[in-house]
Structure formats: C-alpha cells, structure tokens
C-alpha cells in the first residue's frame, strides 16, 4: 500500500514492557577483545556501549550457524575512515533506493517459515543495496547470513544472549538472527505483524551497509575514545542511522511487501518501546524510544538517503 503514513500515536504511558527490558538489535564490533559490561553481559557479544534493531574470519558453517548463504570473508569494506567518511559519504548523494518489488512470504508458526521469510527479505536487501552502491560508484558485497535455531558462536561471541536476538558482526561480515528468539523477544507480537520482524533484518543489514561504506569503521574509532559521553553518542549515531536505513528500504518497497497502515503502525509501536531512556547514561547506546522510532519514520517517509545522515545532526536529535 503506497501513500503517506503519519506517525502513530505515542505508545501508552506504561513503563517498560511486561516481558522485561527492551531487547536490542545491534552491531557488535569485534576489533577488540570481548569484555564484560557493568551488567555482566559480554560486551563483545551484545553489550555495553555497542548497541541497536532485527545481525570475516570464516564462514558460518564453522560456528554452528544455520540457514544462510555466503560462507567466506568479504573484503570490500574500507580499511581507513575519517570523519568525512561518515558526514559526507557518497551514499548520501545517491537519492532514494530503487524499488526491487520485494514480496514477502506469509509468516506461519515455526522456524522453517521464519527462515524462508528472512532469506527472501535478505535477497531483496541484497538487490536493493547493491544497486545503490553502484550508483555511488562504490564496491558492494552482500553480507553472510546466519539464521540460527540452536546456540552457536561467531567471531563476535556466542549466541543467543539474554534479551538479544539479532546482531551484525563486522569481523566476518555476517548478520545473525535467531529464528525463534526474534519472536520470543518481540513481547508476544503476532506473526501477522511481519513488518516488526522485517525491520529487525533490515536494521542489521543497515549495519552491513555502514560497514561497506566505511561509516562503521569511523564510528568504531569514535567509540574507542575514553570519554563515556562521546562513546555512547557515537553508538547512538550508528544505531539510529541503521534504523533510518531500514526505514528507507521498507519505504521503497511499501507497495509490494506490502507495508499496509496496520503493518506500519505495529512496527513503529514496537520500535518505540525499545528505547533506552530508562537506562543509566553510560548504557544509553541506542537512543530514546522517540528517536529509535523517529529515525525509522524519517527514512520511511523521506526515502532519500540524505535524510539518514545522523553524523551531522545535533546531539539532541540522537539522544
């Protein structure tokens, strides 16, 4: 369904979801040794200052992964990055994503259906973003995929981890999503609200886009700085840009997915509930619910990639 989608009403004013802290979907830098955050979660897997989302040393088969395609290390990502890599990236000037007429299969109970859904969606993301990088004259390689059903490990650590069901690991250019975990951590979201799960995959793919464009490398460098405020702000800029990239893709494919008003509303309510405003300042690495949803809306409505430049907006827009 094409057309304008106004933001849905704010989420009801009832505290954190009944199923616990908002699950996070994120990228996980593996360029430094894993460490434990204050909460006890292995930061090299899912935590601390490296958060988002809906996920190369060797292929996923070595690590017990399941259900993806592509099993080797990619090498297209830039090895150096400056601030201009993030603020003036060539991707921003490529306009809107070209629709690839993505049609998602209906979700049914069970991991087999979710696997098919994620693979079809990932194929669409491959086609869409490869075209966009070609517009920019930039090399692009699709990410590896691991859609897990049983626990395993990656260069970024083991999975699953409490409260997290998806992550992107730049060490082997792979997005990881738990086929059953993504449903379990959705707080009972019905499978009919497939846009909620599509956004998770599109978000993790957004981190791969950042990696291929060199933006992630710059963001990692910022997060290596010792000042907590600098590191958490850099993490939020990374995560909120991935949200926007997810929104641009879903907006470009709204007519054929299809992204109906009901799907859009369910998706925005879901992401609004995943904000980190209730966490201590040193753990606020994703952004408030208002901004976590707002950047999806920005991408969905704007579609032009220039609207996803989170690196030049004031800190108040990524708080």
C-alpha atoms as a PDB file:
ATOM      1  CA  UNK A   1       0.000   0.000   0.000  1.00  0.00           C
ATOM      2  CA  UNK A   2       1.581   3.252  -1.117  1.00  0.00           C
ATOM      3  CA  UNK A   3       0.936   6.656   0.340  1.00  0.00           C
ATOM      4  CA  UNK A   4       1.740   8.836   3.304  1.00  0.00           C
ATOM      5  CA  UNK A   5       1.874   7.299   6.754  1.00  0.00           C
ATOM      6  CA  UNK A   6       1.642   9.744   9.625  1.00  0.00           C
ATOM      7  CA  UNK A   7       3.390   8.625  12.805  1.00  0.00           C
ATOM      8  CA  UNK A   8       1.095   6.542  15.025  1.00  0.00           C
ATOM      9  CA  UNK A   9       0.084   7.914  18.407  1.00  0.00           C
ATOM     10  CA  UNK A  10       2.729   7.714  21.153  1.00  0.00           C
ATOM     11  CA  UNK A  11       2.972   4.424  22.973  1.00  0.00           C
ATOM     12  CA  UNK A  12       0.786   4.207  26.094  1.00  0.00           C
ATOM     13  CA  UNK A  13       2.458   5.655  29.201  1.00  0.00           C
ATOM     14  CA  UNK A  14       3.072   2.364  30.949  1.00  0.00           C
ATOM     15  CA  UNK A  15       6.748   1.710  31.871  1.00  0.00           C
ATOM     16  CA  UNK A  16       8.946  -0.974  30.373  1.00  0.00           C
ATOM     17  CA  UNK A  17       7.273  -3.858  28.540  1.00  0.00           C
ATOM     18  CA  UNK A  18       5.970  -6.613  30.779  1.00  0.00           C
ATOM     19  CA  UNK A  19       8.400  -9.081  29.214  1.00  0.00           C
ATOM     20  CA  UNK A  20      11.426  -7.252  30.604  1.00  0.00           C
ATOM     21  CA  UNK A  21      13.940  -4.697  29.361  1.00  0.00           C
ATOM     22  CA  UNK A  22      13.592  -3.784  25.684  1.00  0.00           C
ATOM     23  CA  UNK A  23      15.508  -6.345  23.607  1.00  0.00           C
ATOM     24  CA  UNK A  24      18.213  -4.809  21.483  1.00  0.00           C
ATOM     25  CA  UNK A  25      19.262  -5.430  17.909  1.00  0.00           C
ATOM     26  CA  UNK A  26      22.716  -4.215  17.193  1.00  0.00           C
ATOM     27  CA  UNK A  27      26.067  -4.480  15.565  1.00  0.00           C
ATOM     28  CA  UNK A  28      28.937  -5.863  17.588  1.00  0.00           C
ATOM     29  CA  UNK A  29      32.462  -4.644  16.917  1.00  0.00           C
ATOM     30  CA  UNK A  30      34.971  -7.459  17.185  1.00  0.00           C
ATOM     31  CA  UNK A  31      38.098  -5.432  16.651  1.00  0.00           C
ATOM     32  CA  UNK A  32      38.953  -5.531  20.331  1.00  0.00           C
ATOM     33  CA  UNK A  33      38.758  -8.411  22.833  1.00  0.00           C
ATOM     34  CA  UNK A  34      35.342  -9.159  24.341  1.00  0.00           C
ATOM     35  CA  UNK A  35      34.804  -7.652  27.753  1.00  0.00           C
ATOM     36  CA  UNK A  36      32.056  -7.629  30.323  1.00  0.00           C
ATOM     37  CA  UNK A  37      29.826  -4.659  30.831  1.00  0.00           C
ATOM     38  CA  UNK A  38      28.616  -3.461  34.194  1.00  0.00           C
ATOM     39  CA  UNK A  39      25.538  -5.602  33.765  1.00  0.00           C
ATOM     40  CA  UNK A  40      27.552  -8.778  33.313  1.00  0.00           C
ATOM     41  CA  UNK A  41      26.739  -9.308  29.641  1.00  0.00           C
ATOM     42  CA  UNK A  42      29.716  -9.947  27.402  1.00  0.00           C
ATOM     43  CA  UNK A  43      30.152  -6.601  25.685  1.00  0.00           C
ATOM     44  CA  UNK A  44      31.955  -8.204  22.781  1.00  0.00           C
ATOM     45  CA  UNK A  45      28.735 -10.069  22.023  1.00  0.00           C
ATOM     46  CA  UNK A  46      25.856  -7.730  22.622  1.00  0.00           C
ATOM     47  CA  UNK A  47      26.643  -5.077  25.035  1.00  0.00           C
ATOM     48  CA  UNK A  48      27.829  -2.117  26.829  1.00  0.00           C
ATOM     49  CA  UNK A  49      28.407   0.774  24.529  1.00  0.00           C
ATOM     50  CA  UNK A  50      27.871  -1.056  21.239  1.00  0.00           C
ATOM     51  CA  UNK A  51      24.182  -1.361  20.794  1.00  0.00           C
ATOM     52  CA  UNK A  52      20.839  -1.202  18.241  1.00  0.00           C
ATOM     53  CA  UNK A  53      17.148  -3.106  15.778  1.00  0.00           C
ATOM     54  CA  UNK A  54      16.145  -7.035  13.721  1.00  0.00           C
ATOM     55  CA  UNK A  55      22.840  -9.129  12.585  1.00  0.00           C
ATOM     56  CA  UNK A  56      35.270 -12.310   8.487  1.00  0.00           C
ATOM     57  CA  UNK A  57      37.133 -14.783   9.794  1.00  0.00           C
ATOM     58  CA  UNK A  58      35.461 -17.898   8.445  1.00  0.00           C
ATOM     59  CA  UNK A  59      32.074 -18.911   7.153  1.00  0.00           C
ATOM     60  CA  UNK A  60      29.124 -19.510   9.416  1.00  0.00           C
ATOM     61  CA  UNK A  61      29.291 -23.276   8.974  1.00  0.00           C
ATOM     62  CA  UNK A  62      32.354 -23.370  11.200  1.00  0.00           C
ATOM     63  CA  UNK A  63      30.497 -21.604  14.002  1.00  0.00           C
ATOM     64  CA  UNK A  64      27.363 -23.741  14.022  1.00  0.00           C
ATOM     65  CA  UNK A  65      25.239 -21.204  12.173  1.00  0.00           C
ATOM     66  CA  UNK A  66      22.275 -22.235  10.098  1.00  0.00           C
ATOM     67  CA  UNK A  67      20.222 -21.276   7.148  1.00  0.00           C
ATOM     68  CA  UNK A  68      22.158 -18.508   5.451  1.00  0.00           C
ATOM     69  CA  UNK A  69      24.095 -18.165   2.231  1.00  0.00           C
ATOM     70  CA  UNK A  70      27.629 -16.972   1.618  1.00  0.00           C
ATOM     71  CA  UNK A  71      30.410 -18.511   3.645  1.00  0.00           C
ATOM     72  CA  UNK A  72      33.574 -16.552   3.119  1.00  0.00           C
ATOM     73  CA  UNK A  73      35.249 -13.392   4.299  1.00  0.00           C
ATOM     74  CA  UNK A  74      34.383 -10.233   2.396  1.00  0.00           C
ATOM     75  CA  UNK A  75      36.976  -7.588   1.677  1.00  0.00           C
ATOM     76  CA  UNK A  76      35.127  -4.595   0.240  1.00  0.00           C
ATOM     77  CA  UNK A  77      34.987  -2.513   3.409  1.00  0.00           C
ATOM     78  CA  UNK A  78      37.378   0.455   3.549  1.00  0.00           C
ATOM     79  CA  UNK A  79      40.360  -0.017   5.824  1.00  0.00           C
ATOM     80  CA  UNK A  80      40.623   3.637   6.791  1.00  0.00           C
ATOM     81  CA  UNK A  81      37.974   6.204   7.586  1.00  0.00           C
ATOM     82  CA  UNK A  82      37.874   9.868   8.557  1.00  0.00           C
ATOM     83  CA  UNK A  83      35.067  11.988   9.891  1.00  0.00           C
ATOM     84  CA  UNK A  84      34.097  12.937   6.339  1.00  0.00           C
ATOM     85  CA  UNK A  85      33.551   9.240   5.633  1.00  0.00           C
ATOM     86  CA  UNK A  86      30.576   9.449   7.968  1.00  0.00           C
ATOM     87  CA  UNK A  87      29.459  13.035   7.398  1.00  0.00           C
ATOM     88  CA  UNK A  88      29.901  13.277   3.605  1.00  0.00           C
ATOM     89  CA  UNK A  89      29.626   9.701   2.436  1.00  0.00           C
ATOM     90  CA  UNK A  90      28.914   9.249  -1.266  1.00  0.00           C
ATOM     91  CA  UNK A  91      25.882   7.123  -0.443  1.00  0.00           C
ATOM     92  CA  UNK A  92      24.017  10.178   0.816  1.00  0.00           C
ATOM     93  CA  UNK A  93      24.023  11.669  -2.683  1.00  0.00           C
ATOM     94  CA  UNK A  94      22.502   8.612  -4.388  1.00  0.00           C
ATOM     95  CA  UNK A  95      18.888   9.552  -3.730  1.00  0.00           C
ATOM     96  CA  UNK A  96      16.153   7.048  -2.997  1.00  0.00           C
ATOM     97  CA  UNK A  97      16.568   3.300  -3.118  1.00  0.00           C
ATOM     98  CA  UNK A  98      15.349   1.811  -6.380  1.00  0.00           C
ATOM     99  CA  UNK A  99      12.372  -0.486  -5.672  1.00  0.00           C
ATOM    100  CA  UNK A 100      13.087  -4.154  -6.348  1.00  0.00           C
ATOM    101  CA  UNK A 101       9.433  -5.167  -5.960  1.00  0.00           C
ATOM    102  CA  UNK A 102      10.064  -7.287  -2.892  1.00  0.00           C
ATOM    103  CA  UNK A 103       7.173  -9.575  -1.944  1.00  0.00           C
ATOM    104  CA  UNK A 104       7.467 -11.238   1.452  1.00  0.00           C
ATOM    105  CA  UNK A 105       6.018 -14.695   2.102  1.00  0.00           C
ATOM    106  CA  UNK A 106       3.380 -15.054   4.764  1.00  0.00           C
ATOM    107  CA  UNK A 107       4.742 -15.998   8.169  1.00  0.00           C
ATOM    108  CA  UNK A 108       3.497 -19.183   9.792  1.00  0.00           C
ATOM    109  CA  UNK A 109       4.446 -20.698  13.164  1.00  0.00           C
ATOM    110  CA  UNK A 110       7.786 -22.459  13.272  1.00  0.00           C
ATOM    111  CA  UNK A 111      11.399 -21.702  12.344  1.00  0.00           C
ATOM    112  CA  UNK A 112      11.127 -23.002   8.769  1.00  0.00           C
ATOM    113  CA  UNK A 113       8.669 -20.277   7.839  1.00  0.00           C
ATOM    114  CA  UNK A 114      10.736 -17.582   9.540  1.00  0.00           C
ATOM    115  CA  UNK A 115      13.871 -18.811   7.765  1.00  0.00           C
ATOM    116  CA  UNK A 116      12.176 -18.559   4.378  1.00  0.00           C
ATOM    117  CA  UNK A 117      10.852 -15.101   5.254  1.00  0.00           C
ATOM    118  CA  UNK A 118      14.309 -13.865   6.264  1.00  0.00           C
ATOM    119  CA  UNK A 119      16.037 -15.322   3.231  1.00  0.00           C
ATOM    120  CA  UNK A 120      13.547 -13.778   0.807  1.00  0.00           C
ATOM    121  CA  UNK A 121      13.862 -10.437   2.598  1.00  0.00           C
ATOM    122  CA  UNK A 122      17.669 -10.676   2.581  1.00  0.00           C
ATOM    123  CA  UNK A 123      17.668 -11.394  -1.142  1.00  0.00           C
ATOM    124  CA  UNK A 124      15.638  -8.210  -1.631  1.00  0.00           C
ATOM    125  CA  UNK A 125      18.036  -6.237   0.549  1.00  0.00           C
ATOM    126  CA  UNK A 126      20.985  -7.604  -1.445  1.00  0.00           C
ATOM    127  CA  UNK A 127      19.421  -6.433  -4.704  1.00  0.00           C
ATOM    128  CA  UNK A 128      18.389  -3.033  -3.357  1.00  0.00           C
ATOM    129  CA  UNK A 129      21.630  -2.025  -1.677  1.00  0.00           C
ATOM    130  CA  UNK A 130      23.893  -3.409  -4.411  1.00  0.00           C
ATOM    131  CA  UNK A 131      22.122  -1.097  -6.861  1.00  0.00           C
ATOM    132  CA  UNK A 132      22.549   1.831  -4.509  1.00  0.00           C
ATOM    133  CA  UNK A 133      26.276   1.282  -4.087  1.00  0.00           C
ATOM    134  CA  UNK A 134      26.605   1.014  -7.860  1.00  0.00           C
ATOM    135  CA  UNK A 135      25.001   4.461  -8.137  1.00  0.00           C
ATOM    136  CA  UNK A 136      27.698   5.772  -5.817  1.00  0.00           C
ATOM    137  CA  UNK A 137      30.469   4.022  -7.723  1.00  0.00           C
ATOM    138  CA  UNK A 138      31.318   2.021  -4.617  1.00  0.00           C
ATOM    139  CA  UNK A 139      32.060  -1.674  -4.355  1.00  0.00           C
ATOM    140  CA  UNK A 140      29.499  -3.771  -2.511  1.00  0.00           C
ATOM    141  CA  UNK A 141      29.436  -7.357  -1.308  1.00  0.00           C
ATOM    142  CA  UNK A 142      26.330  -8.859   0.266  1.00  0.00           C
ATOM    143  CA  UNK A 143      26.591  -9.979   3.897  1.00  0.00           C
ATOM    144  CA  UNK A 144      26.756 -13.548   5.036  1.00  0.00           C
ATOM    145  CA  UNK A 145      23.679 -14.760   6.896  1.00  0.00           C
ATOM    146  CA  UNK A 146      23.265 -16.940   9.933  1.00  0.00           C
ATOM    147  CA  UNK A 147      19.654 -17.503  10.912  1.00  0.00           C
ATOM    148  CA  UNK A 148      20.104 -19.659  13.961  1.00  0.00           C
ATOM    149  CA  UNK A 149      17.821 -22.167  15.588  1.00  0.00           C
ATOM    150  CA  UNK A 150      20.323 -23.559  18.069  1.00  0.00           C
ATOM    151  CA  UNK A 151      23.069 -21.815  20.069  1.00  0.00           C
ATOM    152  CA  UNK A 152      26.373 -21.166  18.365  1.00  0.00           C
ATOM    153  CA  UNK A 153      29.338 -18.826  18.250  1.00  0.00           C
ATOM    154  CA  UNK A 154      30.791 -16.176  15.995  1.00  0.00           C
ATOM    155  CA  UNK A 155      33.965 -14.057  15.916  1.00  0.00           C
ATOM    156  CA  UNK A 156      31.958 -11.590  17.995  1.00  0.00           C
ATOM    157  CA  UNK A 157      30.988 -14.128  20.646  1.00  0.00           C
ATOM    158  CA  UNK A 158      28.359 -16.725  21.409  1.00  0.00           C
ATOM    159  CA  UNK A 159      24.623 -16.511  20.794  1.00  0.00           C
ATOM    160  CA  UNK A 160      21.955 -16.153  21.907  1.00  0.00           C
ATOM    161  CA  UNK A 161      22.456 -13.759  24.814  1.00  0.00           C
ATOM    162  CA  UNK A 162      19.754 -12.667  27.279  1.00  0.00           C
ATOM    163  CA  UNK A 163      17.366 -10.142  25.775  1.00  0.00           C
ATOM    164  CA  UNK A 164      19.008 -10.059  22.357  1.00  0.00           C
ATOM    165  CA  UNK A 165      18.020 -11.937  19.229  1.00  0.00           C
ATOM    166  CA  UNK A 166      19.981 -10.342  16.385  1.00  0.00           C
ATOM    167  CA  UNK A 167      23.339  -8.736  15.713  1.00  0.00           C
ATOM    168  CA  UNK A 168      25.764  -7.849  12.955  1.00  0.00           C
ATOM    169  CA  UNK A 169      29.384  -8.971  13.242  1.00  0.00           C
ATOM    170  CA  UNK A 170      31.785  -6.966  11.038  1.00  0.00           C
ATOM    171  CA  UNK A 171      34.626  -9.408  11.711  1.00  0.00           C
ATOM    172  CA  UNK A 172      33.096 -11.858   9.236  1.00  0.00           C
ATOM    173  CA  UNK A 173      30.556  -9.536   7.567  1.00  0.00           C
ATOM    174  CA  UNK A 174      27.655 -11.585   8.858  1.00  0.00           C
ATOM    175  CA  UNK A 175      24.222 -10.785  10.192  1.00  0.00           C
ATOM    176  CA  UNK A 176      22.908 -13.169  12.828  1.00  0.00           C
ATOM    177  CA  UNK A 177      19.216 -13.528  13.692  1.00  0.00           C
ATOM    178  CA  UNK A 178      17.576 -16.119  15.944  1.00  0.00           C
ATOM    179  CA  UNK A 179      14.631 -17.727  14.172  1.00  0.00           C
ATOM    180  CA  UNK A 180      12.703 -18.356  17.376  1.00  0.00           C
ATOM    181  CA  UNK A 181      14.480 -15.762  19.530  1.00  0.00           C
ATOM    182  CA  UNK A 182      13.296 -12.908  17.338  1.00  0.00           C
ATOM    183  CA  UNK A 183       9.712 -13.915  18.079  1.00  0.00           C
ATOM    184  CA  UNK A 184      10.307 -14.599  21.770  1.00  0.00           C
ATOM    185  CA  UNK A 185      11.889 -11.176  22.328  1.00  0.00           C
ATOM    186  CA  UNK A 186       9.124  -9.350  20.495  1.00  0.00           C
ATOM    187  CA  UNK A 187       6.870  -9.430  23.539  1.00  0.00           C
ATOM    188  CA  UNK A 188       4.246 -11.675  22.001  1.00  0.00           C
ATOM    189  CA  UNK A 189       3.981  -9.832  18.697  1.00  0.00           C
ATOM    190  CA  UNK A 190       1.693 -11.846  16.389  1.00  0.00           C
ATOM    191  CA  UNK A 191       3.336 -13.249  13.277  1.00  0.00           C
ATOM    192  CA  UNK A 192       0.766 -11.397  11.197  1.00  0.00           C
ATOM    193  CA  UNK A 193       2.693  -8.220  12.087  1.00  0.00           C
ATOM    194  CA  UNK A 194       5.527  -9.275   9.800  1.00  0.00           C
ATOM    195  CA  UNK A 195       6.847  -5.714   9.458  1.00  0.00           C
ATOM    196  CA  UNK A 196       8.100  -5.931  13.058  1.00  0.00           C
ATOM    197  CA  UNK A 197      10.388  -8.812  12.099  1.00  0.00           C
ATOM    198  CA  UNK A 198      11.281  -7.351   8.702  1.00  0.00           C
ATOM    199  CA  UNK A 199      12.542  -4.211  10.430  1.00  0.00           C
ATOM    200  CA  UNK A 200      14.933  -6.291  12.548  1.00  0.00           C
ATOM    201  CA  UNK A 201      16.568  -7.854   9.480  1.00  0.00           C
ATOM    202  CA  UNK A 202      16.619  -4.535   7.602  1.00  0.00           C
ATOM    203  CA  UNK A 203      18.271  -2.898  10.628  1.00  0.00           C
ATOM    204  CA  UNK A 204      21.058  -5.486  10.820  1.00  0.00           C
ATOM    205  CA  UNK A 205      21.521  -5.147   7.089  1.00  0.00           C
ATOM    206  CA  UNK A 206      21.829  -1.413   7.672  1.00  0.00           C
ATOM    207  CA  UNK A 207      24.917  -2.093   9.784  1.00  0.00           C
ATOM    208  CA  UNK A 208      26.413  -4.040   6.883  1.00  0.00           C
ATOM    209  CA  UNK A 209      25.730  -1.027   4.652  1.00  0.00           C
ATOM    210  CA  UNK A 210      27.572   1.151   7.162  1.00  0.00           C
ATOM    211  CA  UNK A 211      30.440  -1.325   7.193  1.00  0.00           C
ATOM    212  CA  UNK A 212      30.753  -1.423   3.387  1.00  0.00           C
ATOM    213  CA  UNK A 213      30.635   2.384   3.221  1.00  0.00           C
ATOM    214  CA  UNK A 214      33.313   2.863   5.877  1.00  0.00           C
ATOM    215  CA  UNK A 215      30.935   4.570   8.283  1.00  0.00           C
ATOM    216  CA  UNK A 216      31.127   1.773  10.815  1.00  0.00           C
ATOM    217  CA  UNK A 217      34.900   1.973  10.879  1.00  0.00           C
ATOM    218  CA  UNK A 218      34.744   5.661  11.742  1.00  0.00           C
ATOM    219  CA  UNK A 219      32.074   5.018  14.366  1.00  0.00           C
ATOM    220  CA  UNK A 220      34.218   2.329  15.956  1.00  0.00           C
ATOM    221  CA  UNK A 221      37.117   4.776  16.172  1.00  0.00           C
ATOM    222  CA  UNK A 222      34.882   7.272  17.963  1.00  0.00           C
ATOM    223  CA  UNK A 223      33.740   4.590  20.372  1.00  0.00           C
ATOM    224  CA  UNK A 224      37.327   3.753  21.235  1.00  0.00           C
ATOM    225  CA  UNK A 225      37.672   7.154  22.851  1.00  0.00           C
ATOM    226  CA  UNK A 226      37.751   7.137  26.619  1.00  0.00           C
ATOM    227  CA  UNK A 227      35.024   9.675  27.295  1.00  0.00           C
ATOM    228  CA  UNK A 228      31.737   7.889  28.063  1.00  0.00           C
ATOM    229  CA  UNK A 229      29.545  10.605  26.589  1.00  0.00           C
ATOM    230  CA  UNK A 230      31.492  10.550  23.311  1.00  0.00           C
ATOM    231  CA  UNK A 231      31.294   6.780  23.059  1.00  0.00           C
ATOM    232  CA  UNK A 232      27.596   6.469  23.816  1.00  0.00           C
ATOM    233  CA  UNK A 233      26.745   9.293  21.419  1.00  0.00           C
ATOM    234  CA  UNK A 234      28.751   7.627  18.637  1.00  0.00           C
ATOM    235  CA  UNK A 235      26.936   4.362  19.305  1.00  0.00           C
ATOM    236  CA  UNK A 236      23.568   6.105  19.103  1.00  0.00           C
ATOM    237  CA  UNK A 237      24.512   7.736  15.801  1.00  0.00           C
ATOM    238  CA  UNK A 238      25.435   4.297  14.448  1.00  0.00           C
ATOM    239  CA  UNK A 239      22.280   2.612  15.693  1.00  0.00           C
ATOM    240  CA  UNK A 240      19.880   5.354  14.664  1.00  0.00           C
ATOM    241  CA  UNK A 241      21.368   5.509  11.192  1.00  0.00           C
ATOM    242  CA  UNK A 242      20.782   1.753  10.854  1.00  0.00           C
ATOM    243  CA  UNK A 243      17.186   2.447  11.860  1.00  0.00           C
ATOM    244  CA  UNK A 244      16.905   5.072   9.141  1.00  0.00           C
ATOM    245  CA  UNK A 245      18.455   2.803   6.514  1.00  0.00           C
ATOM    246  CA  UNK A 246      15.906   0.139   7.475  1.00  0.00           C
ATOM    247  CA  UNK A 247      13.140   2.702   7.078  1.00  0.00           C
ATOM    248  CA  UNK A 248      14.331   3.773   3.625  1.00  0.00           C
ATOM    249  CA  UNK A 249      14.284   0.196   2.383  1.00  0.00           C
ATOM    250  CA  UNK A 250      10.864  -0.608   3.832  1.00  0.00           C
ATOM    251  CA  UNK A 251       9.521   2.663   2.462  1.00  0.00           C
ATOM    252  CA  UNK A 252      10.863   1.955  -1.012  1.00  0.00           C
ATOM    253  CA  UNK A 253       9.163  -1.452  -1.028  1.00  0.00           C
ATOM    254  CA  UNK A 254       5.932  -0.353   0.655  1.00  0.00           C
ATOM    255  CA  UNK A 255       3.739  -1.173  -2.341  1.00  0.00           C
ATOM    256  CA  UNK A 256       4.789  -4.790  -2.741  1.00  0.00           C
ATOM    257  CA  UNK A 257       5.814  -6.097   0.698  1.00  0.00           C
ATOM    258  CA  UNK A 258       3.097  -4.866   1.275  1.00  0.00           C
ATOM    259  CA  UNK A 259       3.524  -2.270   4.010  1.00  0.00           C
ATOM    260  CA  UNK A 260      -0.054  -1.558   4.978  1.00  0.00           C
ATOM    261  CA  UNK A 261      -1.058   1.064   7.516  1.00  0.00           C
ATOM    262  CA  UNK A 262      -1.584  -1.707  10.085  1.00  0.00           C
ATOM    263  CA  UNK A 263       1.919  -3.104   9.470  1.00  0.00           C
ATOM    264  CA  UNK A 264       3.486   0.334   9.669  1.00  0.00           C
ATOM    265  CA  UNK A 265       1.734   1.143  12.930  1.00  0.00           C
ATOM    266  CA  UNK A 266       2.688  -2.177  14.540  1.00  0.00           C
ATOM    267  CA  UNK A 267       6.310  -1.661  13.520  1.00  0.00           C
ATOM    268  CA  UNK A 268       6.538   1.873  14.907  1.00  0.00           C
ATOM    269  CA  UNK A 269       4.865   0.961  18.187  1.00  0.00           C
ATOM    270  CA  UNK A 270       7.314  -1.920  18.540  1.00  0.00           C
ATOM    271  CA  UNK A 271      10.438   0.192  17.994  1.00  0.00           C
ATOM    272  CA  UNK A 272       9.085   2.989  20.165  1.00  0.00           C
ATOM    273  CA  UNK A 273       9.034   0.523  23.055  1.00  0.00           C
ATOM    274  CA  UNK A 274      12.714  -0.367  22.564  1.00  0.00           C
ATOM    275  CA  UNK A 275      14.186   2.965  23.616  1.00  0.00           C
ATOM    276  CA  UNK A 276      16.878   3.153  26.284  1.00  0.00           C
ATOM    277  CA  UNK A 277      15.829   6.333  28.054  1.00  0.00           C
ATOM    278  CA  UNK A 278      15.225   4.411  31.288  1.00  0.00           C
ATOM    279  CA  UNK A 279      18.818   3.164  31.421  1.00  0.00           C
ATOM    280  CA  UNK A 280      21.745   4.879  33.179  1.00  0.00           C
ATOM    281  CA  UNK A 281      23.575   7.420  30.980  1.00  0.00           C
ATOM    282  CA  UNK A 282      26.583   5.159  30.443  1.00  0.00           C
ATOM    283  CA  UNK A 283      24.310   2.461  28.964  1.00  0.00           C
ATOM    284  CA  UNK A 284      22.303   4.705  26.655  1.00  0.00           C
ATOM    285  CA  UNK A 285      23.774   3.456  23.394  1.00  0.00           C
ATOM    286  CA  UNK A 286      20.658   3.104  21.190  1.00  0.00           C
ATOM    287  CA  UNK A 287      18.585   6.204  21.735  1.00  0.00           C
ATOM    288  CA  UNK A 288      15.273   7.061  23.310  1.00  0.00           C
ATOM    289  CA  UNK A 289      12.092   5.415  22.103  1.00  0.00           C
ATOM    290  CA  UNK A 290      11.131   8.683  20.421  1.00  0.00           C
ATOM    291  CA  UNK A 291      14.309   8.749  18.365  1.00  0.00           C
ATOM    292  CA  UNK A 292      14.547   4.986  17.859  1.00  0.00           C
ATOM    293  CA  UNK A 293      11.149   5.135  16.168  1.00  0.00           C
ATOM    294  CA  UNK A 294      11.649   8.607  14.735  1.00  0.00           C
ATOM    295  CA  UNK A 295      14.618   7.685  12.578  1.00  0.00           C
ATOM    296  CA  UNK A 296      12.709   4.745  11.084  1.00  0.00           C
ATOM    297  CA  UNK A 297       9.920   7.183  10.223  1.00  0.00           C
ATOM    298  CA  UNK A 298      12.424   9.648   8.770  1.00  0.00           C
ATOM    299  CA  UNK A 299      13.806   7.002   6.435  1.00  0.00           C
ATOM    300  CA  UNK A 300      10.407   5.558   5.579  1.00  0.00           C
ATOM    301  CA  UNK A 301       8.860   8.893   4.659  1.00  0.00           C
ATOM    302  CA  UNK A 302      11.954  10.553   3.198  1.00  0.00           C
ATOM    303  CA  UNK A 303      13.461   7.518   1.444  1.00  0.00           C
ATOM    304  CA  UNK A 304      16.274   9.691   0.063  1.00  0.00           C
ATOM    305  CA  UNK A 305      19.446   8.522   1.809  1.00  0.00           C
ATOM    306  CA  UNK A 306      20.498  12.070   2.567  1.00  0.00           C
ATOM    307  CA  UNK A 307      17.911  12.126   5.365  1.00  0.00           C
ATOM    308  CA  UNK A 308      19.813   9.325   7.138  1.00  0.00           C
ATOM    309  CA  UNK A 309      22.954  11.325   7.889  1.00  0.00           C
ATOM    310  CA  UNK A 310      22.916  11.043  11.677  1.00  0.00           C
ATOM    311  CA  UNK A 311      26.505  12.308  11.857  1.00  0.00           C
ATOM    312  CA  UNK A 312      25.750  15.979  11.213  1.00  0.00           C
ATOM    313  CA  UNK A 313      22.614  16.457  13.328  1.00  0.00           C
ATOM    314  CA  UNK A 314      22.876  17.991  16.816  1.00  0.00           C
ATOM    315  CA  UNK A 315      23.237  15.653  19.816  1.00  0.00           C
ATOM    316  CA  UNK A 316      19.646  16.417  20.809  1.00  0.00           C
ATOM    317  CA  UNK A 317      18.448  14.562  17.689  1.00  0.00           C
ATOM    318  CA  UNK A 318      20.263  11.372  18.689  1.00  0.00           C
ATOM    319  CA  UNK A 319      19.649  11.393  22.425  1.00  0.00           C
END
